[in-house]
PDB file of N, CA and C in Angstrom:
ATOM      1  N   MET A   1      73.286  12.269   0.531  1.00  0.00           N
ATOM      2  CA  MET A   1      71.936  12.368  -0.973  1.00  0.00           C
ATOM      3  C   MET A   1      70.911  11.894  -0.075  1.00  0.00           C
ATOM      4  N   ASP A   2      70.178  12.977  -0.735  1.00  0.00           N
ATOM      5  CA  ASP A   2      68.785  12.423  -0.140  1.00  0.00           C
ATOM      6  C   ASP A   2      68.049  12.761  -1.615  1.00  0.00           C
ATOM      7  N   SER A   3      66.571  13.216  -1.800  1.00  0.00           N
ATOM      8  CA  SER A   3      65.842  12.876  -3.273  1.00  0.00           C
ATOM      9  C   SER A   3      64.301  13.174  -2.548  1.00  0.00           C
ATOM     10  N   ASP A   4      64.026  14.055  -4.170  1.00  0.00           N
ATOM     11  CA  ASP A   4      62.798  15.045  -3.977  1.00  0.00           C
ATOM     12  C   ASP A   4      62.101  14.566  -5.686  1.00  0.00           C
ATOM     13  N   TYR A   5      60.645  13.468  -4.960  1.00  0.00           N
ATOM     14  CA  TYR A   5      60.397  12.528  -6.334  1.00  0.00           C
ATOM     15  C   TYR A   5      61.533  11.773  -7.398  1.00  0.00           C
ATOM     16  N   GLY A   6      62.224  11.065  -6.426  1.00  0.00           N
ATOM     17  CA  GLY A   6      63.359   9.822  -6.438  1.00  0.00           C
ATOM     18  C   GLY A   6      64.203  10.844  -7.783  1.00  0.00           C
ATOM     19  N   VAL A   7      64.852  12.270  -7.395  1.00  0.00           N
ATOM     20  CA  VAL A   7      66.135  12.719  -8.251  1.00  0.00           C
ATOM     21  C   VAL A   7      66.497  13.815  -7.060  1.00  0.00           C
ATOM     22  N   PRO A   8      67.695  12.811  -6.999  1.00  0.00           N
ATOM     23  CA  PRO A   8      68.704  12.728  -5.890  1.00  0.00           C
ATOM     24  C   PRO A   8      69.692  14.256  -5.828  1.00  0.00           C
ATOM     25  N   ARG A   9      69.840  14.499  -4.924  1.00  0.00           N
ATOM     26  CA  ARG A   9      70.094  15.621  -4.661  1.00  0.00           C
ATOM     27  C   ARG A   9      71.320  16.293  -2.803  1.00  0.00           C
ATOM     28  N   GLU A  10      72.216  16.701  -3.694  1.00  0.00           N
ATOM     29  CA  GLU A  10      73.137  17.224  -1.990  1.00  0.00           C
ATOM     30  C   GLU A  10      72.187  17.653  -1.531  1.00  0.00           C
ATOM     31  N   LEU A  11      72.561  17.529   0.329  1.00  0.00           N
ATOM     32  CA  LEU A  11      72.283  18.125   1.384  1.00  0.00           C
ATOM     33  C   LEU A  11      73.018  19.569   1.050  1.00  0.00           C
ATOM     34  N   SER A  12      72.222  20.874   1.638  1.00  0.00           N
ATOM     35  CA  SER A  12      73.276  22.362   1.753  1.00  0.00           C
ATOM     36  C   SER A  12      73.660  21.837   3.025  1.00  0.00           C
ATOM     37  N   GLU A  13      75.172  22.934   2.555  1.00  0.00           N
ATOM     38  CA  GLU A  13      75.769  22.842   4.612  1.00  0.00           C
ATOM     39  C   GLU A  13      74.959  23.437   5.640  1.00  0.00           C
ATOM     40  N   VAL A  14      73.381  23.626   5.507  1.00  0.00           N
ATOM     41  CA  VAL A  14      73.255  24.244   6.418  1.00  0.00           C
ATOM     42  C   VAL A  14      72.049  22.963   6.832  1.00  0.00           C
ATOM     43  N   GLN A  15      71.990  21.946   5.955  1.00  0.00           N
ATOM     44  CA  GLN A  15      71.359  21.336   6.215  1.00  0.00           C
ATOM     45  C   GLN A  15      72.323  20.407   6.973  1.00  0.00           C
ATOM     46  N   GLN A  16      72.927  20.204   6.430  1.00  0.00           N
ATOM     47  CA  GLN A  16      74.156  18.955   6.715  1.00  0.00           C
ATOM     48  C   GLN A  16      74.553  18.955   8.205  1.00  0.00           C
ATOM     49  N   ASN A  17      74.505  20.852   8.691  1.00  0.00           N
ATOM     50  CA  ASN A  17      74.564  21.388   9.545  1.00  0.00           C
ATOM     51  C   ASN A  17      73.818  20.807  10.740  1.00  0.00           C
ATOM     52  N   ARG A  18      72.212  20.531  10.195  1.00  0.00           N
ATOM     53  CA  ARG A  18      71.681  20.688  10.694  1.00  0.00           C
ATOM     54  C   ARG A  18      71.343  19.234  11.589  1.00  0.00           C
ATOM     55  N   THR A  19      71.905  18.525  10.550  1.00  0.00           N
ATOM     56  CA  THR A  19      71.436  16.500  11.002  1.00  0.00           C
ATOM     57  C   THR A  19      72.447  16.607  12.184  1.00  0.00           C
ATOM     58  N   LEU A  20      73.204  17.371  12.616  1.00  0.00           N
ATOM     59  CA  LEU A  20      74.224  16.847  13.791  1.00  0.00           C
ATOM     60  C   LEU A  20      73.893  17.964  14.524  1.00  0.00           C
ATOM     61  N   TYR A  21      73.072  17.888  14.779  1.00  0.00           N
ATOM     62  CA  TYR A  21      72.264  19.411  16.147  1.00  0.00           C
ATOM     63  C   TYR A  21      71.601  18.161  17.064  1.00  0.00           C
ATOM     64  N   GLN A  22      72.276  18.274  18.047  1.00  0.00           N
ATOM     65  CA  GLN A  22      71.429  17.312  19.362  1.00  0.00           C
ATOM     66  C   GLN A  22      71.107  18.668  20.590  1.00  0.00           C
ATOM     67  N   PRO A  23      70.136  18.299  20.588  1.00  0.00           N
ATOM     68  CA  PRO A  23      68.691  18.936  21.351  1.00  0.00           C
ATOM     69  C   PRO A  23      69.863  17.994  22.820  1.00  0.00           C
ATOM     70  N   GLU A  24      70.242  19.402  24.495  1.00  0.00           N
ATOM     71  CA  GLU A  24      69.886  19.203  25.300  1.00  0.00           C
ATOM     72  C   GLU A  24      68.348  18.868  26.410  1.00  0.00           C
ATOM     73  N   LEU A  25      68.977  18.207  26.920  1.00  0.00           N
ATOM     74  CA  LEU A  25      67.870  17.966  28.405  1.00  0.00           C
ATOM     75  C   LEU A  25      67.991  19.394  28.756  1.00  0.00           C
ATOM     76  N   PRO A  26      66.883  19.773  29.678  1.00  0.00           N
ATOM     77  CA  PRO A  26      67.299  20.735  30.200  1.00  0.00           C
ATOM     78  C   PRO A  26      67.736  20.273  32.132  1.00  0.00           C
ATOM     79  N   PRO A  27      68.370  20.799  32.549  1.00  0.00           N
ATOM     80  CA  PRO A  27      69.334  20.577  33.932  1.00  0.00           C
ATOM     81  C   PRO A  27      67.645  20.336  34.433  1.00  0.00           C
ATOM     82  N   CYS A  28      66.462  20.359  34.781  1.00  0.00           N
ATOM     83  CA  CYS A  28      65.332  20.161  35.667  1.00  0.00           C
ATOM     84  C   CYS A  28      64.957  18.215  35.201  1.00  0.00           C
ATOM     85  N   LEU A  29      66.137  18.153  34.552  1.00  0.00           N
ATOM     86  CA  LEU A  29      65.390  16.724  34.197  1.00  0.00           C
ATOM     87  C   LEU A  29      66.625  15.827  33.823  1.00  0.00           C
ATOM     88  N   GLN A  30      67.512  15.957  33.923  1.00  0.00           N
ATOM     89  CA  GLN A  30      68.859  15.717  33.494  1.00  0.00           C
ATOM     90  C   GLN A  30      69.343  13.971  34.982  1.00  0.00           C
ATOM     91  N   GLY A  31      69.018  13.193  34.775  1.00  0.00           N
ATOM     92  CA  GLY A  31      69.518  12.453  36.027  1.00  0.00           C
ATOM     93  C   GLY A  31      68.640  11.725  35.763  1.00  0.00           C
ATOM     94  N   THR A  32      68.211  10.838  37.312  1.00  0.00           N
ATOM     95  CA  THR A  32      67.272   9.979  37.934  1.00  0.00           C
ATOM     96  C   THR A  32      66.580  10.460  39.157  1.00  0.00           C
ATOM     97  N   THR A  33      66.588  12.721  39.329  1.00  0.00           N
ATOM     98  CA  THR A  33      66.124  11.717  40.469  1.00  0.00           C
ATOM     99  C   THR A  33      65.931  13.721  39.552  1.00  0.00           C
ATOM    100  N   VAL A  34      64.257  14.037  40.278  1.00  0.00           N
ATOM    101  CA  VAL A  34      63.413  14.241  40.137  1.00  0.00           C
ATOM    102  C   VAL A  34      63.005  15.988  40.853  1.00  0.00           C
ATOM    103  N   ARG A  35      63.266  17.124  40.743  1.00  0.00           N
ATOM    104  CA  ARG A  35      62.382  18.045  41.576  1.00  0.00           C
ATOM    105  C   ARG A  35      61.493  18.331  41.501  1.00  0.00           C
ATOM    106  N   VAL A  36      60.038  18.254  41.836  1.00  0.00           N
ATOM    107  CA  VAL A  36      58.782  19.032  41.464  1.00  0.00           C
ATOM    108  C   VAL A  36      57.735  19.548  42.818  1.00  0.00           C
ATOM    109  N   GLU A  37      57.195  20.849  42.078  1.00  0.00           N
ATOM    110  CA  GLU A  37      56.827  21.816  42.838  1.00  0.00           C
ATOM    111  C   GLU A  37      54.698  22.003  42.016  1.00  0.00           C
ATOM    112  N   TYR A  38      53.923  21.254  43.014  1.00  0.00           N
ATOM    113  CA  TYR A  38      53.050  21.515  42.088  1.00  0.00           C
ATOM    114  C   TYR A  38      51.931  22.420  42.937  1.00  0.00           C
ATOM    115  N   GLY A  39      51.580  23.136  41.883  1.00  0.00           N
ATOM    116  CA  GLY A  39      50.817  24.508  42.181  1.00  0.00           C
ATOM    117  C   GLY A  39      49.302  24.342  41.517  1.00  0.00           C
ATOM    118  N   ASP A  40      49.026  24.977  41.671  1.00  0.00           N
ATOM    119  CA  ASP A  40      47.299  25.215  41.546  1.00  0.00           C
ATOM    120  C   ASP A  40      46.632  24.483  40.156  1.00  0.00           C
ATOM    121  N   VAL A  41      44.914  23.946  40.316  1.00  0.00           N
ATOM    122  CA  VAL A  41      45.084  23.046  39.804  1.00  0.00           C
ATOM    123  C   VAL A  41      45.082  23.907  37.981  1.00  0.00           C
ATOM    124  N   ALA A  42      44.523  22.674  37.112  1.00  0.00           N
ATOM    125  CA  ALA A  42      43.857  23.220  35.934  1.00  0.00           C
ATOM    126  C   ALA A  42      42.623  22.765  35.472  1.00  0.00           C
ATOM    127  N   ILE A  43      42.501  24.608  35.841  1.00  0.00           N
ATOM    128  CA  ILE A  43      40.616  24.430  34.888  1.00  0.00           C
ATOM    129  C   ILE A  43      40.730  25.421  33.979  1.00  0.00           C
ATOM    130  N   ALA A  44      39.591  25.818  33.495  1.00  0.00           N
ATOM    131  CA  ALA A  44      38.953  26.101  33.029  1.00  0.00           C
ATOM    132  C   ALA A  44      38.721  27.345  32.684  1.00  0.00           C
ATOM    133  N   ALA A  45      39.773  28.505  31.160  1.00  0.00           N
ATOM    134  CA  ALA A  45      38.766  29.787  31.733  1.00  0.00           C
ATOM    135  C   ALA A  45      38.584  30.766  31.942  1.00  0.00           C
ATOM    136  N   ASP A  46      37.574  29.932  30.995  1.00  0.00           N
ATOM    137  CA  ASP A  46      36.021  30.310  30.424  1.00  0.00           C
ATOM    138  C   ASP A  46      35.042  29.044  32.255  1.00  0.00           C
ATOM    139  N   PRO A  47      34.690  29.256  33.142  1.00  0.00           N
ATOM    140  CA  PRO A  47      34.090  28.713  33.617  1.00  0.00           C
ATOM    141  C   PRO A  47      32.361  28.225  33.084  1.00  0.00           C
ATOM    142  N   ALA A  48      32.052  28.477  31.433  1.00  0.00           N
ATOM    143  CA  ALA A  48      30.952  28.404  30.840  1.00  0.00           C
ATOM    144  C   ALA A  48      31.493  27.370  30.042  1.00  0.00           C
ATOM    145  N   GLY A  49      32.475  27.022  29.898  1.00  0.00           N
ATOM    146  CA  GLY A  49      33.353  25.336  28.716  1.00  0.00           C
ATOM    147  C   GLY A  49      34.000  24.330  30.074  1.00  0.00           C
ATOM    148  N   ALA A  50      33.544  24.623  30.976  1.00  0.00           N
ATOM    149  CA  ALA A  50      34.913  23.265  32.409  1.00  0.00           C
ATOM    150  C   ALA A  50      33.969  22.038  32.233  1.00  0.00           C
ATOM    151  N   HIS A  51      32.866  21.499  32.140  1.00  0.00           N
ATOM    152  CA  HIS A  51      31.392  20.990  32.066  1.00  0.00           C
ATOM    153  C   HIS A  51      32.911  20.197  30.990  1.00  0.00           C
ATOM    154  N   VAL A  52      32.202  20.442  29.562  1.00  0.00           N
ATOM    155  CA  VAL A  52      32.764  20.143  28.502  1.00  0.00           C
ATOM    156  C   VAL A  52      34.212  19.887  28.767  1.00  0.00           C
ATOM    157  N   ILE A  53      35.142  20.211  29.210  1.00  0.00           N
ATOM    158  CA  ILE A  53      37.049  20.246  28.923  1.00  0.00           C
ATOM    159  C   ILE A  53      37.025  18.646  30.047  1.00  0.00           C
ATOM    160  N   SER A  54      36.200  19.727  31.517  1.00  0.00           N
ATOM    161  CA  SER A  54      36.634  17.953  32.211  1.00  0.00           C
ATOM    162  C   SER A  54      35.941  16.521  31.175  1.00  0.00           C
ATOM    163  N   HIS A  55      34.651  16.575  30.980  1.00  0.00           N
ATOM    164  CA  HIS A  55      34.460  15.919  30.739  1.00  0.00           C
ATOM    165  C   HIS A  55      35.336  15.026  29.325  1.00  0.00           C
ATOM    166  N   ALA A  56      36.101  15.891  27.919  1.00  0.00           N
ATOM    167  CA  ALA A  56      36.937  15.453  27.418  1.00  0.00           C
ATOM    168  C   ALA A  56      37.872  14.460  27.854  1.00  0.00           C
ATOM    169  N   TYR A  57      38.642  15.708  29.509  1.00  0.00           N
ATOM    170  CA  TYR A  57      39.814  15.194  30.024  1.00  0.00           C
ATOM    171  C   TYR A  57      39.672  15.200  31.170  1.00  0.00           C
ATOM    172  N   PRO A  58      39.366  14.083  31.488  1.00  0.00           N
ATOM    173  CA  PRO A  58      38.702  13.556  32.909  1.00  0.00           C
ATOM    174  C   PRO A  58      39.373  13.105  33.378  1.00  0.00           C
ATOM    175  N   HIS A  59      40.694  12.733  33.544  1.00  0.00           N
ATOM    176  CA  HIS A  59      42.237  12.631  33.806  1.00  0.00           C
ATOM    177  C   HIS A  59      43.148  13.687  34.049  1.00  0.00           C
ATOM    178  N   THR A  60      42.968  15.008  33.952  1.00  0.00           N
ATOM    179  CA  THR A  60      43.917  15.970  33.868  1.00  0.00           C
ATOM    180  C   THR A  60      43.159  17.219  34.489  1.00  0.00           C
ATOM    181  N   TYR A  61      41.926  16.734  34.429  1.00  0.00           N
ATOM    182  CA  TYR A  61      41.581  17.808  34.839  1.00  0.00           C
ATOM    183  C   TYR A  61      41.125  18.495  35.885  1.00  0.00           C
ATOM    184  N   GLY A  62      41.411  19.400  36.323  1.00  0.00           N
ATOM    185  CA  GLY A  62      41.760  19.899  37.979  1.00  0.00           C
ATOM    186  C   GLY A  62      42.409  19.432  38.697  1.00  0.00           C
ATOM    187  N   GLN A  63      43.890  18.134  37.620  1.00  0.00           N
ATOM    188  CA  GLN A  63      44.711  18.576  38.738  1.00  0.00           C
ATOM    189  C   GLN A  63      46.447  18.902  38.543  1.00  0.00           C
ATOM    190  N   PRO A  64      46.937  19.293  39.136  1.00  0.00           N
ATOM    191  CA  PRO A  64      47.419  20.519  40.119  1.00  0.00           C
ATOM    192  C   PRO A  64      49.024  20.171  38.786  1.00  0.00           C
ATOM    193  N   LEU A  65      48.978  21.824  38.622  1.00  0.00           N
ATOM    194  CA  LEU A  65      50.203  22.074  36.872  1.00  0.00           C
ATOM    195  C   LEU A  65      51.421  21.629  37.587  1.00  0.00           C
ATOM    196  N   ALA A  66      52.025  20.678  37.179  1.00  0.00           N
ATOM    197  CA  ALA A  66      53.801  20.016  37.878  1.00  0.00           C
ATOM    198  C   ALA A  66      54.900  21.344  37.557  1.00  0.00           C
ATOM    199  N   HIS A  67      54.916  21.820  38.207  1.00  0.00           N
ATOM    200  CA  HIS A  67      56.661  23.082  37.886  1.00  0.00           C
ATOM    201  C   HIS A  67      57.682  21.442  38.655  1.00  0.00           C
ATOM    202  N   PHE A  68      58.670  22.352  37.289  1.00  0.00           N
ATOM    203  CA  PHE A  68      59.548  21.104  37.493  1.00  0.00           C
ATOM    204  C   PHE A  68      61.286  21.972  38.030  1.00  0.00           C
ATOM    205  N   LEU A  69      61.923  21.634  38.401  1.00  0.00           N
ATOM    206  CA  LEU A  69      62.869  22.093  39.173  1.00  0.00           C
ATOM    207  C   LEU A  69      64.226  22.347  39.134  1.00  0.00           C
ATOM    208  N   ARG A  70      64.832  23.018  39.030  1.00  0.00           N
ATOM    209  CA  ARG A  70      66.816  22.747  39.376  1.00  0.00           C
ATOM    210  C   ARG A  70      67.031  22.124  40.415  1.00  0.00           C
ATOM    211  N   LYS A  71      67.797  21.091  40.966  1.00  0.00           N
ATOM    212  CA  LYS A  71      68.458  20.588  42.570  1.00  0.00           C
ATOM    213  C   LYS A  71      68.411  21.093  42.880  1.00  0.00           C
ATOM    214  N   ALA A  72      69.286  22.500  42.413  1.00  0.00           N
ATOM    215  CA  ALA A  72      69.754  22.896  43.589  1.00  0.00           C
ATOM    216  C   ALA A  72      68.890  24.356  44.152  1.00  0.00           C
ATOM    217  N   ALA A  73      67.516  24.403  43.436  1.00  0.00           N
ATOM    218  CA  ALA A  73      66.704  25.196  43.781  1.00  0.00           C
ATOM    219  C   ALA A  73      65.942  25.369  45.137  1.00  0.00           C
ATOM    220  N   ASN A  74      65.591  26.303  46.014  1.00  0.00           N
ATOM    221  CA  ASN A  74      65.385  25.981  47.138  1.00  0.00           C
ATOM    222  C   ASN A  74      63.615  25.776  47.749  1.00  0.00           C
ATOM    223  N   VAL A  75      62.768  25.432  47.842  1.00  0.00           N
ATOM    224  CA  VAL A  75      61.730  24.707  47.621  1.00  0.00           C
ATOM    225  C   VAL A  75      61.321  23.746  48.051  1.00  0.00           C
ATOM    226  N   PRO A  76      61.317  24.812  49.174  1.00  0.00           N
ATOM    227  CA  PRO A  76      60.363  23.738  50.861  1.00  0.00           C
ATOM    228  C   PRO A  76      59.916  22.478  50.339  1.00  0.00           C
ATOM    229  N   ASP A  77      58.325  22.912  49.584  1.00  0.00           N
ATOM    230  CA  ASP A  77      57.302  21.941  50.210  1.00  0.00           C
ATOM    231  C   ASP A  77      57.280  21.310  48.015  1.00  0.00           C
ATOM    232  N   ALA A  78      58.513  21.047  47.654  1.00  0.00           N
ATOM    233  CA  ALA A  78      58.678  20.180  46.821  1.00  0.00           C
ATOM    234  C   ALA A  78      59.571  18.866  47.042  1.00  0.00           C
ATOM    235  N   LYS A  79      58.782  18.528  45.752  1.00  0.00           N
ATOM    236  CA  LYS A  79      58.408  17.116  46.326  1.00  0.00           C
ATOM    237  C   LYS A  79      59.580  16.409  45.270  1.00  0.00           C
ATOM    238  N   VAL A  80      60.589  15.483  45.554  1.00  0.00           N
ATOM    239  CA  VAL A  80      61.309  14.515  45.057  1.00  0.00           C
ATOM    240  C   VAL A  80      61.050  13.064  45.026  1.00  0.00           C
ATOM    241  N   ILE A  81      61.576  12.574  43.484  1.00  0.00           N
ATOM    242  CA  ILE A  81      60.885  12.311  42.847  1.00  0.00           C
ATOM    243  C   ILE A  81      62.332  11.167  42.375  1.00  0.00           C
ATOM    244  N   SER A  82      62.024   9.890  42.857  1.00  0.00           N
ATOM    245  CA  SER A  82      63.463   8.811  42.728  1.00  0.00           C
ATOM    246  C   SER A  82      63.425   7.576  42.024  1.00  0.00           C
ATOM    247  N   GLU A  83      61.986   7.282  42.452  1.00  0.00           N
ATOM    248  CA  GLU A  83      61.739   6.260  41.562  1.00  0.00           C
ATOM    249  C   GLU A  83      60.589   6.004  40.629  1.00  0.00           C
ATOM    250  N   HIS A  84      60.633   6.125  38.722  1.00  0.00           N
ATOM    251  CA  HIS A  84      59.760   6.278  38.621  1.00  0.00           C
ATOM    252  C   HIS A  84      59.174   4.864  37.763  1.00  0.00           C
ATOM    253  N   PRO A  85      57.728   4.853  37.612  1.00  0.00           N
ATOM    254  CA  PRO A  85      56.710   4.404  37.131  1.00  0.00           C
ATOM    255  C   PRO A  85      56.830   4.233  36.165  1.00  0.00           C
ATOM    256  N   ALA A  86      56.438   3.616  34.741  1.00  0.00           N
ATOM    257  CA  ALA A  86      56.390   3.755  33.247  1.00  0.00           C
ATOM    258  C   ALA A  86      55.216   4.239  33.063  1.00  0.00           C
ATOM    259  N   VAL A  87      55.294   5.743  32.816  1.00  0.00           N
ATOM    260  CA  VAL A  87      54.355   6.462  32.238  1.00  0.00           C
ATOM    261  C   VAL A  87      53.709   6.940  30.727  1.00  0.00           C
ATOM    262  N   ARG A  88      52.556   7.439  30.291  1.00  0.00           N
ATOM    263  CA  ARG A  88      52.191   7.612  29.173  1.00  0.00           C
ATOM    264  C   ARG A  88      51.358   9.195  28.792  1.00  0.00           C
ATOM    265  N   VAL A  89      52.856   9.675  28.338  1.00  0.00           N
ATOM    266  CA  VAL A  89      52.438  11.334  28.213  1.00  0.00           C
ATOM    267  C   VAL A  89      51.460  11.565  26.922  1.00  0.00           C
ATOM    268  N   GLY A  90      50.541  12.562  26.506  1.00  0.00           N
ATOM    269  CA  GLY A  90      50.637  13.017  25.226  1.00  0.00           C
ATOM    270  C   GLY A  90      51.086  13.858  24.938  1.00  0.00           C
ATOM    271  N   ILE A  91      51.380  14.527  23.891  1.00  0.00           N
ATOM    272  CA  ILE A  91      50.869  16.014  23.734  1.00  0.00           C
ATOM    273  C   ILE A  91      50.376  16.272  22.712  1.00  0.00           C
ATOM    274  N   VAL A  92      50.243  17.380  22.037  1.00  0.00           N
ATOM    275  CA  VAL A  92      49.019  17.508  21.070  1.00  0.00           C
ATOM    276  C   VAL A  92      49.877  19.257  20.994  1.00  0.00           C
ATOM    277  N   PHE A  93      49.668  19.235  20.057  1.00  0.00           N
ATOM    278  CA  PHE A  93      50.110  20.584  19.317  1.00  0.00           C
ATOM    279  C   PHE A  93      49.067  21.419  18.391  1.00  0.00           C
ATOM    280  N   CYS A  94      48.551  22.435  18.679  1.00  0.00           N
ATOM    281  CA  CYS A  94      47.675  23.331  18.524  1.00  0.00           C
ATOM    282  C   CYS A  94      47.846  23.507  16.594  1.00  0.00           C
ATOM    283  N   GLY A  95      47.110  23.633  15.194  1.00  0.00           N
ATOM    284  CA  GLY A  95      47.415  24.761  14.604  1.00  0.00           C
ATOM    285  C   GLY A  95      48.721  24.134  14.037  1.00  0.00           C
ATOM    286  N   ARG A  96      49.543  25.022  13.508  1.00  0.00           N
ATOM    287  CA  ARG A  96      50.540  24.755  12.535  1.00  0.00           C
ATOM    288  C   ARG A  96      51.560  24.367  13.117  1.00  0.00           C
ATOM    289  N   GLN A  97      53.037  23.962  12.371  1.00  0.00           N
ATOM    290  CA  GLN A  97      54.443  23.640  13.188  1.00  0.00           C
ATOM    291  C   GLN A  97      54.858  25.206  14.191  1.00  0.00           C
ATOM    292  N   SER A  98      54.890  24.797  15.462  1.00  0.00           N
ATOM    293  CA  SER A  98      56.089  25.982  16.015  1.00  0.00           C
ATOM    294  C   SER A  98      56.900  25.761  16.035  1.00  0.00           C
ATOM    295  N   PRO A  99      57.572  26.786  16.014  1.00  0.00           N
ATOM    296  CA  PRO A  99      59.763  26.763  16.256  1.00  0.00           C
ATOM    297  C   PRO A  99      59.659  26.384  17.878  1.00  0.00           C
ATOM    298  N   GLY A 100      60.108  25.570  17.439  1.00  0.00           N
ATOM    299  CA  GLY A 100      60.571  24.571  18.625  1.00  0.00           C
ATOM    300  C   GLY A 100      60.044  22.697  19.024  1.00  0.00           C
ATOM    301  N   GLY A 101      58.493  22.938  18.837  1.00  0.00           N
ATOM    302  CA  GLY A 101      58.252  21.805  18.788  1.00  0.00           C
ATOM    303  C   GLY A 101      59.056  20.179  18.400  1.00  0.00           C
ATOM    304  N   HIS A 102      59.939  19.971  18.164  1.00  0.00           N
ATOM    305  CA  HIS A 102      60.568  19.443  17.715  1.00  0.00           C
ATOM    306  C   HIS A 102      61.851  19.101  19.149  1.00  0.00           C
ATOM    307  N   ASN A 103      61.998  19.998  19.428  1.00  0.00           N
ATOM    308  CA  ASN A 103      62.596  19.707  20.101  1.00  0.00           C
ATOM    309  C   ASN A 103      61.679  19.505  21.862  1.00  0.00           C
ATOM    310  N   VAL A 104      61.276  20.140  21.435  1.00  0.00           N
ATOM    311  CA  VAL A 104      60.315  19.960  22.905  1.00  0.00           C
ATOM    312  C   VAL A 104      59.852  17.794  23.411  1.00  0.00           C
ATOM    313  N   ILE A 105      59.399  18.072  21.602  1.00  0.00           N
ATOM    314  CA  ILE A 105      58.789  15.970  22.349  1.00  0.00           C
ATOM    315  C   ILE A 105      60.469  15.633  22.085  1.00  0.00           C
ATOM    316  N   TRP A 106      61.263  15.987  21.592  1.00  0.00           N
ATOM    317  CA  TRP A 106      62.631  14.934  21.950  1.00  0.00           C
ATOM    318  C   TRP A 106      62.873  15.495  23.449  1.00  0.00           C
ATOM    319  N   GLY A 107      63.470  16.739  23.414  1.00  0.00           N
ATOM    320  CA  GLY A 107      63.129  16.076  24.940  1.00  0.00           C
ATOM    321  C   GLY A 107      62.594  15.386  26.175  1.00  0.00           C
ATOM    322  N   LEU A 108      61.607  15.725  25.752  1.00  0.00           N
ATOM    323  CA  LEU A 108      60.226  15.069  26.077  1.00  0.00           C
ATOM    324  C   LEU A 108      60.528  14.066  26.466  1.00  0.00           C
ATOM    325  N   HIS A 109      60.667  13.608  25.095  1.00  0.00           N
ATOM    326  CA  HIS A 109      60.863  11.340  24.617  1.00  0.00           C
ATOM    327  C   HIS A 109      62.338  11.263  25.896  1.00  0.00           C
ATOM    328  N   GLU A 110      63.067  11.646  25.110  1.00  0.00           N
ATOM    329  CA  GLU A 110      63.895  11.285  26.020  1.00  0.00           C
ATOM    330  C   GLU A 110      64.872  11.834  27.877  1.00  0.00           C
ATOM    331  N   ALA A 111      63.554  12.542  28.163  1.00  0.00           N
ATOM    332  CA  ALA A 111      63.394  12.441  29.865  1.00  0.00           C
ATOM    333  C   ALA A 111      62.657  10.947  29.639  1.00  0.00           C
ATOM    334  N   ILE A 112      61.009  10.797  29.631  1.00  0.00           N
ATOM    335  CA  ILE A 112      61.147   9.990  30.190  1.00  0.00           C
ATOM    336  C   ILE A 112      61.281   8.520  29.996  1.00  0.00           C
ATOM    337  N   LYS A 113      61.949   8.653  28.410  1.00  0.00           N
ATOM    338  CA  LYS A 113      62.673   7.450  28.388  1.00  0.00           C
ATOM    339  C   LYS A 113      63.544   6.839  30.115  1.00  0.00           C
ATOM    340  N   ALA A 114      64.937   8.154  29.849  1.00  0.00           N
ATOM    341  CA  ALA A 114      65.829   7.776  30.572  1.00  0.00           C
ATOM    342  C   ALA A 114      65.017   7.882  32.395  1.00  0.00           C
ATOM    343  N   HIS A 115      64.021   8.286  32.635  1.00  0.00           N
ATOM    344  CA  HIS A 115      63.817   7.606  33.907  1.00  0.00           C
ATOM    345  C   HIS A 115      62.784   6.218  33.911  1.00  0.00           C
ATOM    346  N   ASN A 116      62.697   6.022  32.935  1.00  0.00           N
ATOM    347  CA  ASN A 116      61.778   4.168  32.928  1.00  0.00           C
ATOM    348  C   ASN A 116      61.999   4.402  31.218  1.00  0.00           C
ATOM    349  N   VAL A 117      61.861   3.277  31.072  1.00  0.00           N
ATOM    350  CA  VAL A 117      62.036   2.806  29.531  1.00  0.00           C
ATOM    351  C   VAL A 117      60.659   1.694  28.731  1.00  0.00           C
ATOM    352  N   ASN A 118      60.370   2.201  29.834  1.00  0.00           N
ATOM    353  CA  ASN A 118      59.095   1.673  29.533  1.00  0.00           C
ATOM    354  C   ASN A 118      57.553   2.157  29.571  1.00  0.00           C
ATOM    355  N   SER A 119      57.973   3.502  29.470  1.00  0.00           N
ATOM    356  CA  SER A 119      57.426   4.290  29.364  1.00  0.00           C
ATOM    357  C   SER A 119      57.196   5.080  27.520  1.00  0.00           C
ATOM    358  N   LYS A 120      55.576   5.110  27.912  1.00  0.00           N
ATOM    359  CA  LYS A 120      55.684   6.346  26.014  1.00  0.00           C
ATOM    360  C   LYS A 120      55.375   7.611  25.593  1.00  0.00           C
ATOM    361  N   LEU A 121      55.527   7.930  25.025  1.00  0.00           N
ATOM    362  CA  LEU A 121      55.456   9.263  24.612  1.00  0.00           C
ATOM    363  C   LEU A 121      54.402   9.295  23.587  1.00  0.00           C
ATOM    364  N   ILE A 122      53.125   9.600  23.605  1.00  0.00           N
ATOM    365  CA  ILE A 122      51.872   9.618  22.477  1.00  0.00           C
ATOM    366  C   ILE A 122      51.426  11.486  21.798  1.00  0.00           C
ATOM    367  N   GLY A 123      51.649  11.149  20.652  1.00  0.00           N
ATOM    368  CA  GLY A 123      51.244  12.293  19.844  1.00  0.00           C
ATOM    369  C   GLY A 123      49.489  12.530  19.188  1.00  0.00           C
ATOM    370  N   PHE A 124      48.837  13.650  19.327  1.00  0.00           N
ATOM    371  CA  PHE A 124      48.377  13.402  19.077  1.00  0.00           C
ATOM    372  C   PHE A 124      47.780  14.568  16.919  1.00  0.00           C
ATOM    373  N   LEU A 125      47.183  13.480  16.405  1.00  0.00           N
ATOM    374  CA  LEU A 125      47.538  14.247  15.340  1.00  0.00           C
ATOM    375  C   LEU A 125      45.369  14.987  15.736  1.00  0.00           C
TER     376      LEU A 125
END
């Protein structure tokens, strides 16, 4: 039973089923070993804004993009990561709610905690 403004109400059948849903981690993030291929660097699409963006995001601007691979992926230069130091991961959604946004946040949280319980997920408002 839930309430709106102090008035108790029953959850609909759809709402009850939704509370039972447990999203699954994608295969590339399951387990304790992660395979990563590093790609091109993250840069501004418009070079005129590069200075502003690199100043606002000094730790990530110009860093290579990470592509998480399935364990069976045949990528020769993929890096295999089996030791996982604690990380701080920030996530930003721009604009309104997005379909699947909750699943992205939940999956990311579960993955970083599975690899190191001291990792932190930070949301930006």
